[in-house]
């Protein structure tokens, strides 16, 4: 079974306090669900139309495990702390090659 990767890119952060509250809940919820944080932060470089926006890369053993992490009660609590309109982001879950 191929690994899976959860990739989050943050286009804008309108409420840094809500993002911090989300992070305090999301990180342990994702880790408890089997996620391994591989990278977090602003890219060192952005090429070919890429943007220097906050990016998070998390590895899971499978797509199903990543989807279960997103649907978990712990992650739902983190989303509540984030609220609506606090950030504009894109989350993708992809299967590894």
PDB file of N, CA and C in Angstrom:
ATOM      1  N   UNK A   1       0.842  -1.181   0.000  1.00  0.00           N
ATOM      2  CA  UNK A   1       0.000   0.000   0.000  1.00  0.00           C
ATOM      3  C   UNK A   1       0.889   1.247   0.000  1.00  0.00           C
ATOM      4  N   UNK A   2       0.567   2.203  -0.823  1.00  0.00           N
ATOM      5  CA  UNK A   2       1.361   3.429  -0.946  1.00  0.00           C
ATOM      6  C   UNK A   2       1.092   4.383   0.211  1.00  0.00           C
ATOM      7  N   UNK A   3       2.128   5.100   0.591  1.00  0.00           N
ATOM      8  CA  UNK A   3       1.976   6.169   1.580  1.00  0.00           C
ATOM      9  C   UNK A   3       1.041   7.229   1.015  1.00  0.00           C
ATOM     10  N   UNK A   4       0.563   8.109   1.892  1.00  0.00           N
ATOM     11  CA  UNK A   4      -0.282   9.225   1.468  1.00  0.00           C
ATOM     12  C   UNK A   4       0.269  10.496   2.098  1.00  0.00           C
ATOM     13  N   UNK A   5       0.009  11.608   1.434  1.00  0.00           N
ATOM     14  CA  UNK A   5       0.524  12.889   1.893  1.00  0.00           C
ATOM     15  C   UNK A   5      -0.604  13.914   1.939  1.00  0.00           C
ATOM     16  N   UNK A   6      -0.701  14.583   3.066  1.00  0.00           N
ATOM     17  CA  UNK A   6      -1.664  15.657   3.295  1.00  0.00           C
ATOM     18  C   UNK A   6      -0.863  16.939   3.113  1.00  0.00           C
ATOM     19  N   UNK A   7      -1.256  17.747   2.175  1.00  0.00           N
ATOM     20  CA  UNK A   7      -0.548  18.987   1.870  1.00  0.00           C
ATOM     21  C   UNK A   7      -1.507  20.144   2.094  1.00  0.00           C
ATOM     22  N   UNK A   8      -1.117  21.056   2.962  1.00  0.00           N
ATOM     23  CA  UNK A   8      -1.908  22.265   3.225  1.00  0.00           C
ATOM     24  C   UNK A   8      -1.094  23.469   2.785  1.00  0.00           C
ATOM     25  N   UNK A   9      -1.719  24.355   2.028  1.00  0.00           N
ATOM     26  CA  UNK A   9      -1.084  25.628   1.690  1.00  0.00           C
ATOM     27  C   UNK A   9      -2.018  26.742   2.144  1.00  0.00           C
ATOM     28  N   UNK A  10      -1.438  27.724   2.766  1.00  0.00           N
ATOM     29  CA  UNK A  10      -2.200  28.839   3.333  1.00  0.00           C
ATOM     30  C   UNK A  10      -2.026  30.058   2.445  1.00  0.00           C
ATOM     31  N   UNK A  11      -3.077  30.432   1.747  1.00  0.00           N
ATOM     32  CA  UNK A  11      -3.024  31.605   0.864  1.00  0.00           C
ATOM     33  C   UNK A  11      -3.004  32.900   1.671  1.00  0.00           C
ATOM     34  N   UNK A  12      -3.756  32.905   2.779  1.00  0.00           N
ATOM     35  CA  UNK A  12      -3.744  34.083   3.649  1.00  0.00           C
ATOM     36  C   UNK A  12      -4.164  33.664   5.051  1.00  0.00           C
ATOM     37  N   UNK A  13      -3.642  34.406   6.021  1.00  0.00           N
ATOM     38  CA  UNK A  13      -4.015  34.208   7.425  1.00  0.00           C
ATOM     39  C   UNK A  13      -4.592  35.524   7.916  1.00  0.00           C
ATOM     40  N   UNK A  14      -5.885  35.509   8.187  1.00  0.00           N
ATOM     41  CA  UNK A  14      -6.576  36.726   8.633  1.00  0.00           C
ATOM     42  C   UNK A  14      -6.656  36.808  10.151  1.00  0.00           C
ATOM     43  N   UNK A  15      -6.563  35.645  10.830  1.00  0.00           N
ATOM     44  CA  UNK A  15      -6.659  35.617  12.285  1.00  0.00           C
ATOM     45  C   UNK A  15      -5.569  34.700  12.846  1.00  0.00           C
ATOM     46  N   UNK A  16      -4.377  35.254  13.117  1.00  0.00           N
ATOM     47  CA  UNK A  16      -3.271  34.443  13.616  1.00  0.00           C
ATOM     48  C   UNK A  16      -3.576  33.746  14.947  1.00  0.00           C
ATOM     49  N   UNK A  17      -4.386  34.379  15.802  1.00  0.00           N
ATOM     50  CA  UNK A  17      -4.728  33.765  17.085  1.00  0.00           C
ATOM     51  C   UNK A  17      -5.564  32.501  16.883  1.00  0.00           C
ATOM     52  N   UNK A  18      -6.504  32.549  15.953  1.00  0.00           N
ATOM     53  CA  UNK A  18      -7.318  31.368  15.657  1.00  0.00           C
ATOM     54  C   UNK A  18      -6.452  30.271  15.050  1.00  0.00           C
ATOM     55  N   UNK A  19      -5.495  30.640  14.209  1.00  0.00           N
ATOM     56  CA  UNK A  19      -4.586  29.650  13.623  1.00  0.00           C
ATOM     57  C   UNK A  19      -3.736  28.999  14.711  1.00  0.00           C
ATOM     58  N   UNK A  20      -3.279  29.776  15.674  1.00  0.00           N
ATOM     59  CA  UNK A  20      -2.490  29.225  16.778  1.00  0.00           C
ATOM     60  C   UNK A  20      -3.329  28.263  17.621  1.00  0.00           C
ATOM     61  N   UNK A  21      -4.578  28.626  17.900  1.00  0.00           N
ATOM     62  CA  UNK A  21      -5.475  27.749  18.668  1.00  0.00           C
ATOM     63  C   UNK A  21      -5.735  26.454  17.902  1.00  0.00           C
ATOM     64  N   UNK A  22      -5.924  26.574  16.594  1.00  0.00           N
ATOM     65  CA  UNK A  22      -6.107  25.406  15.730  1.00  0.00           C
ATOM     66  C   UNK A  22      -4.883  24.497  15.802  1.00  0.00           C
ATOM     67  N   UNK A  23      -3.695  25.085  15.679  1.00  0.00           N
ATOM     68  CA  UNK A  23      -2.457  24.314  15.683  1.00  0.00           C
ATOM     69  C   UNK A  23      -2.255  23.523  16.958  1.00  0.00           C
ATOM     70  N   UNK A  24      -2.621  24.103  18.097  1.00  0.00           N
ATOM     71  CA  UNK A  24      -2.473  23.413  19.384  1.00  0.00           C
ATOM     72  C   UNK A  24      -3.343  22.164  19.448  1.00  0.00           C
ATOM     73  N   UNK A  25      -4.470  22.176  18.747  1.00  0.00           N
ATOM     74  CA  UNK A  25      -5.370  21.017  18.735  1.00  0.00           C
ATOM     75  C   UNK A  25      -5.112  20.096  17.545  1.00  0.00           C
ATOM     76  N   UNK A  26      -4.805  20.676  16.401  1.00  0.00           N
ATOM     77  CA  UNK A  26      -4.655  19.885  15.174  1.00  0.00           C
ATOM     78  C   UNK A  26      -3.420  18.991  15.210  1.00  0.00           C
ATOM     79  N   UNK A  27      -2.292  19.515  15.653  1.00  0.00           N
ATOM     80  CA  UNK A  27      -1.053  18.722  15.642  1.00  0.00           C
ATOM     81  C   UNK A  27      -1.191  17.426  16.436  1.00  0.00           C
ATOM     82  N   UNK A  28      -1.656  17.463  17.695  1.00  0.00           N
ATOM     83  CA  UNK A  28      -1.787  16.192  18.414  1.00  0.00           C
ATOM     84  C   UNK A  28      -2.871  15.283  17.835  1.00  0.00           C
ATOM     85  N   UNK A  29      -3.940  15.864  17.291  1.00  0.00           N
ATOM     86  CA  UNK A  29      -4.999  15.037  16.692  1.00  0.00           C
ATOM     87  C   UNK A  29      -4.477  14.309  15.460  1.00  0.00           C
ATOM     88  N   UNK A  30      -3.707  15.000  14.636  1.00  0.00           N
ATOM     89  CA  UNK A  30      -3.154  14.398  13.418  1.00  0.00           C
ATOM     90  C   UNK A  30      -2.109  13.343  13.771  1.00  0.00           C
ATOM     91  N   UNK A  31      -1.256  13.653  14.727  1.00  0.00           N
ATOM     92  CA  UNK A  31      -0.237  12.695  15.161  1.00  0.00           C
ATOM     93  C   UNK A  31      -0.893  11.444  15.757  1.00  0.00           C
ATOM     94  N   UNK A  32      -1.922  11.633  16.575  1.00  0.00           N
ATOM     95  CA  UNK A  32      -2.625  10.493  17.180  1.00  0.00           C
ATOM     96  C   UNK A  32      -3.283   9.613  16.116  1.00  0.00           C
ATOM     97  N   UNK A  33      -3.635  10.206  14.985  1.00  0.00           N
ATOM     98  CA  UNK A  33      -4.271   9.459  13.896  1.00  0.00           C
ATOM     99  C   UNK A  33      -3.237   8.836  12.952  1.00  0.00           C
ATOM    100  N   UNK A  34      -1.956   8.924  13.297  1.00  0.00           N
ATOM    101  CA  UNK A  34      -0.928   8.276  12.492  1.00  0.00           C
ATOM    102  C   UNK A  34      -0.152   9.199  11.575  1.00  0.00           C
ATOM    103  N   UNK A  35      -0.422  10.484  11.619  1.00  0.00           N
ATOM    104  CA  UNK A  35       0.281  11.431  10.753  1.00  0.00           C
ATOM    105  C   UNK A  35       1.668  11.760  11.270  1.00  0.00           C
ATOM    106  N   UNK A  36       2.593  11.959  10.344  1.00  0.00           N
ATOM    107  CA  UNK A  36       3.961  12.348  10.674  1.00  0.00           C
ATOM    108  C   UNK A  36       4.271  13.653   9.940  1.00  0.00           C
ATOM    109  N   UNK A  37       4.516  14.714  10.686  1.00  0.00           N
ATOM    110  CA  UNK A  37       4.813  16.004  10.078  1.00  0.00           C
ATOM    111  C   UNK A  37       6.208  15.957   9.458  1.00  0.00           C
ATOM    112  N   UNK A  38       6.269  16.215   8.158  1.00  0.00           N
ATOM    113  CA  UNK A  38       7.540  16.194   7.440  1.00  0.00           C
ATOM    114  C   UNK A  38       8.094  17.590   7.222  1.00  0.00           C
ATOM    115  N   UNK A  39       7.212  18.572   7.024  1.00  0.00           N
ATOM    116  CA  UNK A  39       7.665  19.943   6.782  1.00  0.00           C
ATOM    117  C   UNK A  39       6.553  20.915   7.140  1.00  0.00           C
ATOM    118  N   UNK A  40       6.953  22.082   7.670  1.00  0.00           N
ATOM    119  CA  UNK A  40       6.016  23.166   7.980  1.00  0.00           C
ATOM    120  C   UNK A  40       6.752  24.487   7.813  1.00  0.00           C
ATOM    121  N   UNK A  41       6.092  25.460   7.240  1.00  0.00           N
ATOM    122  CA  UNK A  41       6.674  26.787   7.162  1.00  0.00           C
ATOM    123  C   UNK A  41       6.561  27.410   5.786  1.00  0.00           C
ATOM    124  N   UNK A  42       7.307  28.473   5.611  1.00  0.00           N
ATOM    125  CA  UNK A  42       7.347  29.200   4.341  1.00  0.00           C
ATOM    126  C   UNK A  42       8.413  28.538   3.473  1.00  0.00           C
ATOM    127  N   UNK A  43       8.110  28.255   2.196  1.00  0.00           N
ATOM    128  CA  UNK A  43       9.105  27.628   1.319  1.00  0.00           C
ATOM    129  C   UNK A  43      10.383  28.464   1.210  1.00  0.00           C
ATOM    130  N   UNK A  44      11.504  27.785   1.084  1.00  0.00           N
ATOM    131  CA  UNK A  44      12.769  28.471   0.864  1.00  0.00           C
ATOM    132  C   UNK A  44      12.778  29.144  -0.503  1.00  0.00           C
ATOM    133  N   UNK A  45      12.147  28.501  -1.486  1.00  0.00           N
ATOM    134  CA  UNK A  45      12.045  29.026  -2.842  1.00  0.00           C
ATOM    135  C   UNK A  45      10.687  28.648  -3.409  1.00  0.00           C
ATOM    136  N   UNK A  46      10.183  29.458  -4.313  1.00  0.00           N
ATOM    137  CA  UNK A  46       8.971  29.125  -5.072  1.00  0.00           C
ATOM    138  C   UNK A  46       9.312  29.319  -6.546  1.00  0.00           C
ATOM    139  N   UNK A  47       9.092  28.310  -7.341  1.00  0.00           N
ATOM    140  CA  UNK A  47       9.465  28.337  -8.755  1.00  0.00           C
ATOM    141  C   UNK A  47       8.237  28.151  -9.635  1.00  0.00           C
ATOM    142  N   UNK A  48       8.320  28.605 -10.859  1.00  0.00           N
ATOM    143  CA  UNK A  48       7.325  28.372 -11.911  1.00  0.00           C
ATOM    144  C   UNK A  48       5.897  28.715 -11.478  1.00  0.00           C
ATOM    145  N   UNK A  49       5.724  29.909 -10.975  1.00  0.00           N
ATOM    146  CA  UNK A  49       4.389  30.368 -10.584  1.00  0.00           C
ATOM    147  C   UNK A  49       4.018  30.013  -9.159  1.00  0.00           C
ATOM    148  N   UNK A  50       4.912  29.320  -8.439  1.00  0.00           N
ATOM    149  CA  UNK A  50       4.636  28.984  -7.043  1.00  0.00           C
ATOM    150  C   UNK A  50       4.634  30.231  -6.175  1.00  0.00           C
ATOM    151  N   UNK A  51       3.999  30.130  -5.029  1.00  0.00           N
ATOM    152  CA  UNK A  51       3.887  31.259  -4.116  1.00  0.00           C
ATOM    153  C   UNK A  51       4.595  30.939  -2.806  1.00  0.00           C
ATOM    154  N   UNK A  52       5.164  31.937  -2.198  1.00  0.00           N
ATOM    155  CA  UNK A  52       5.812  31.773  -0.897  1.00  0.00           C
ATOM    156  C   UNK A  52       4.733  31.859   0.191  1.00  0.00           C
ATOM    157  N   UNK A  53       3.969  30.790   0.315  1.00  0.00           N
ATOM    158  CA  UNK A  53       2.900  30.745   1.310  1.00  0.00           C
ATOM    159  C   UNK A  53       3.142  29.572   2.248  1.00  0.00           C
ATOM    160  N   UNK A  54       2.693  29.739   3.480  1.00  0.00           N
ATOM    161  CA  UNK A  54       2.871  28.685   4.491  1.00  0.00           C
ATOM    162  C   UNK A  54       2.378  27.358   3.928  1.00  0.00           C
ATOM    163  N   UNK A  55       3.201  26.319   4.099  1.00  0.00           N
ATOM    164  CA  UNK A  55       2.893  24.987   3.589  1.00  0.00           C
ATOM    165  C   UNK A  55       3.158  23.967   4.692  1.00  0.00           C
ATOM    166  N   UNK A  56       2.290  22.960   4.773  1.00  0.00           N
ATOM    167  CA  UNK A  56       2.451  21.876   5.739  1.00  0.00           C
ATOM    168  C   UNK A  56       2.366  20.567   4.967  1.00  0.00           C
ATOM    169  N   UNK A  57       3.315  19.666   5.228  1.00  0.00           N
ATOM    170  CA  UNK A  57       3.351  18.358   4.577  1.00  0.00           C
ATOM    171  C   UNK A  57       3.342  17.283   5.654  1.00  0.00           C
ATOM    172  N   UNK A  58       2.339  16.399   5.593  1.00  0.00           N
ATOM    173  CA  UNK A  58       2.167  15.342   6.593  1.00  0.00           C
ATOM    174  C   UNK A  58       2.089  14.003   5.875  1.00  0.00           C
ATOM    175  N   UNK A  59       2.809  13.014   6.380  1.00  0.00           N
ATOM    176  CA  UNK A  59       2.811  11.678   5.789  1.00  0.00           C
ATOM    177  C   UNK A  59       1.913  10.742   6.604  1.00  0.00           C
ATOM    178  N   UNK A  60       1.164   9.901   5.890  1.00  0.00           N
ATOM    179  CA  UNK A  60       0.339   8.852   6.485  1.00  0.00           C
ATOM    180  C   UNK A  60       0.663   7.538   5.798  1.00  0.00           C
ATOM    181  N   UNK A  61       0.287   6.437   6.428  1.00  0.00           N
ATOM    182  CA  UNK A  61       0.516   5.124   5.837  1.00  0.00           C
ATOM    183  C   UNK A  61      -0.389   4.843   4.648  1.00  0.00           C
ATOM    184  N   UNK A  62      -1.529   5.555   4.558  1.00  0.00           N
ATOM    185  CA  UNK A  62      -2.464   5.330   3.453  1.00  0.00           C
ATOM    186  C   UNK A  62      -3.390   6.530   3.298  1.00  0.00           C
ATOM    187  N   UNK A  63      -4.044   6.593   2.154  1.00  0.00           N
ATOM    188  CA  UNK A  63      -5.055   7.628   1.926  1.00  0.00           C
ATOM    189  C   UNK A  63      -6.181   7.483   2.946  1.00  0.00           C
ATOM    190  N   UNK A  64      -6.595   6.244   3.198  1.00  0.00           N
ATOM    191  CA  UNK A  64      -7.685   6.009   4.153  1.00  0.00           C
ATOM    192  C   UNK A  64      -7.320   6.543   5.537  1.00  0.00           C
ATOM    193  N   UNK A  65      -6.074   6.368   5.953  1.00  0.00           N
ATOM    194  CA  UNK A  65      -5.641   6.859   7.258  1.00  0.00           C
ATOM    195  C   UNK A  65      -5.662   8.389   7.293  1.00  0.00           C
ATOM    196  N   UNK A  66      -5.239   9.035   6.214  1.00  0.00           N
ATOM    197  CA  UNK A  66      -5.259  10.498   6.143  1.00  0.00           C
ATOM    198  C   UNK A  66      -6.689  11.022   6.178  1.00  0.00           C
ATOM    199  N   UNK A  67      -7.566  10.371   5.440  1.00  0.00           N
ATOM    200  CA  UNK A  67      -8.975  10.788   5.439  1.00  0.00           C
ATOM    201  C   UNK A  67      -9.605  10.589   6.812  1.00  0.00           C
ATOM    202  N   UNK A  68      -9.253   9.497   7.481  1.00  0.00           N
ATOM    203  CA  UNK A  68      -9.777   9.247   8.825  1.00  0.00           C
ATOM    204  C   UNK A  68      -9.274  10.309   9.801  1.00  0.00           C
ATOM    205  N   UNK A  69      -8.040  10.754   9.641  1.00  0.00           N
ATOM    206  CA  UNK A  69      -7.503  11.810  10.499  1.00  0.00           C
ATOM    207  C   UNK A  69      -8.300  13.096  10.312  1.00  0.00           C
ATOM    208  N   UNK A  70      -8.597  13.429   9.062  1.00  0.00           N
ATOM    209  CA  UNK A  70      -9.364  14.645   8.779  1.00  0.00           C
ATOM    210  C   UNK A  70     -10.773  14.557   9.376  1.00  0.00           C
ATOM    211  N   UNK A  71     -11.351  13.358   9.384  1.00  0.00           N
ATOM    212  CA  UNK A  71     -12.717  13.158   9.888  1.00  0.00           C
ATOM    213  C   UNK A  71     -12.759  12.886  11.390  1.00  0.00           C
ATOM    214  N   UNK A  72     -11.614  12.808  12.055  1.00  0.00           N
ATOM    215  CA  UNK A  72     -11.583  12.455  13.477  1.00  0.00           C
ATOM    216  C   UNK A  72     -12.186  13.550  14.348  1.00  0.00           C
ATOM    217  N   UNK A  73     -12.653  13.132  15.509  1.00  0.00           N
ATOM    218  CA  UNK A  73     -13.237  14.086  16.459  1.00  0.00           C
ATOM    219  C   UNK A  73     -12.217  15.133  16.894  1.00  0.00           C
ATOM    220  N   UNK A  74     -10.976  14.704  17.127  1.00  0.00           N
ATOM    221  CA  UNK A  74      -9.937  15.645  17.539  1.00  0.00           C
ATOM    222  C   UNK A  74      -9.678  16.715  16.496  1.00  0.00           C
ATOM    223  N   UNK A  75      -9.658  16.313  15.221  1.00  0.00           N
ATOM    224  CA  UNK A  75      -9.418  17.299  14.166  1.00  0.00           C
ATOM    225  C   UNK A  75     -10.635  18.208  13.982  1.00  0.00           C
ATOM    226  N   UNK A  76     -11.829  17.650  14.177  1.00  0.00           N
ATOM    227  CA  UNK A  76     -13.043  18.483  14.102  1.00  0.00           C
ATOM    228  C   UNK A  76     -13.012  19.585  15.160  1.00  0.00           C
ATOM    229  N   UNK A  77     -12.498  19.254  16.351  1.00  0.00           N
ATOM    230  CA  UNK A  77     -12.353  20.268  17.402  1.00  0.00           C
ATOM    231  C   UNK A  77     -11.361  21.353  16.975  1.00  0.00           C
ATOM    232  N   UNK A  78     -10.294  20.940  16.316  1.00  0.00           N
ATOM    233  CA  UNK A  78      -9.317  21.914  15.827  1.00  0.00           C
ATOM    234  C   UNK A  78      -9.955  22.841  14.801  1.00  0.00           C
ATOM    235  N   UNK A  79     -10.770  22.289  13.923  1.00  0.00           N
ATOM    236  CA  UNK A  79     -11.454  23.116  12.917  1.00  0.00           C
ATOM    237  C   UNK A  79     -12.404  24.113  13.569  1.00  0.00           C
ATOM    238  N   UNK A  80     -13.064  23.692  14.651  1.00  0.00           N
ATOM    239  CA  UNK A  80     -13.940  24.627  15.379  1.00  0.00           C
ATOM    240  C   UNK A  80     -13.129  25.789  15.935  1.00  0.00           C
ATOM    241  N   UNK A  81     -11.941  25.493  16.489  1.00  0.00           N
ATOM    242  CA  UNK A  81     -11.078  26.545  17.030  1.00  0.00           C
ATOM    243  C   UNK A  81     -10.611  27.490  15.933  1.00  0.00           C
ATOM    244  N   UNK A  82     -10.399  26.952  14.727  1.00  0.00           N
ATOM    245  CA  UNK A  82      -9.976  27.784  13.601  1.00  0.00           C
ATOM    246  C   UNK A  82     -11.095  28.725  13.175  1.00  0.00           C
ATOM    247  N   UNK A  83     -12.328  28.224  13.217  1.00  0.00           N
ATOM    248  CA  UNK A  83     -13.475  29.054  12.840  1.00  0.00           C
ATOM    249  C   UNK A  83     -13.535  29.283  11.343  1.00  0.00           C
ATOM    250  N   UNK A  84     -14.461  30.130  10.965  1.00  0.00           N
ATOM    251  CA  UNK A  84     -14.626  30.445   9.543  1.00  0.00           C
ATOM    252  C   UNK A  84     -14.022  31.805   9.238  1.00  0.00           C
ATOM    253  N   UNK A  85     -13.376  31.888   8.107  1.00  0.00           N
ATOM    254  CA  UNK A  85     -12.812  33.150   7.667  1.00  0.00           C
ATOM    255  C   UNK A  85     -11.471  33.503   8.295  1.00  0.00           C
ATOM    256  N   UNK A  86     -10.932  32.626   9.139  1.00  0.00           N
ATOM    257  CA  UNK A  86      -9.650  32.921   9.791  1.00  0.00           C
ATOM    258  C   UNK A  86      -8.464  32.747   8.854  1.00  0.00           C
ATOM    259  N   UNK A  87      -8.581  31.768   7.965  1.00  0.00           N
ATOM    260  CA  UNK A  87      -7.529  31.513   6.979  1.00  0.00           C
ATOM    261  C   UNK A  87      -8.173  31.160   5.651  1.00  0.00           C
ATOM    262  N   UNK A  88      -7.416  31.374   4.605  1.00  0.00           N
ATOM    263  CA  UNK A  88      -7.785  30.856   3.287  1.00  0.00           C
ATOM    264  C   UNK A  88      -6.704  29.845   2.952  1.00  0.00           C
ATOM    265  N   UNK A  89      -7.111  28.569   2.796  1.00  0.00           N
ATOM    266  CA  UNK A  89      -6.115  27.524   2.556  1.00  0.00           C
ATOM    267  C   UNK A  89      -6.660  26.461   1.630  1.00  0.00           C
ATOM    268  N   UNK A  90      -5.750  25.631   1.205  1.00  0.00           N
ATOM    269  CA  UNK A  90      -6.038  24.523   0.301  1.00  0.00           C
ATOM    270  C   UNK A  90      -5.455  23.284   0.951  1.00  0.00           C
ATOM    271  N   UNK A  91      -6.282  22.252   1.147  1.00  0.00           N
ATOM    272  CA  UNK A  91      -5.800  20.985   1.687  1.00  0.00           C
ATOM    273  C   UNK A  91      -6.021  19.909   0.636  1.00  0.00           C
ATOM    274  N   UNK A  92      -4.974  19.138   0.378  1.00  0.00           N
ATOM    275  CA  UNK A  92      -5.047  18.021  -0.578  1.00  0.00           C
ATOM    276  C   UNK A  92      -4.439  16.795   0.067  1.00  0.00           C
ATOM    277  N   UNK A  93      -5.052  15.658  -0.205  1.00  0.00           N
ATOM    278  CA  UNK A  93      -4.507  14.370   0.219  1.00  0.00           C
ATOM    279  C   UNK A  93      -4.206  13.604  -1.057  1.00  0.00           C
ATOM    280  N   UNK A  94      -2.939  13.220  -1.215  1.00  0.00           N
ATOM    281  CA  UNK A  94      -2.540  12.508  -2.426  1.00  0.00           C
ATOM    282  C   UNK A  94      -1.830  11.211  -2.053  1.00  0.00           C
ATOM    283  N   UNK A  95      -1.944  10.238  -2.932  1.00  0.00           N
ATOM    284  CA  UNK A  95      -1.257   8.969  -2.738  1.00  0.00           C
ATOM    285  C   UNK A  95       0.168   9.093  -3.240  1.00  0.00           C
ATOM    286  N   UNK A  96       1.091   8.496  -2.503  1.00  0.00           N
ATOM    287  CA  UNK A  96       2.490   8.518  -2.903  1.00  0.00           C
ATOM    288  C   UNK A  96       2.733   7.654  -4.134  1.00  0.00           C
ATOM    289  N   UNK A  97       3.809   7.950  -4.827  1.00  0.00           N
ATOM    290  CA  UNK A  97       4.156   7.213  -6.038  1.00  0.00           C
ATOM    291  C   UNK A  97       4.746   5.861  -5.699  1.00  0.00           C
TER     292      UNK A  97
END
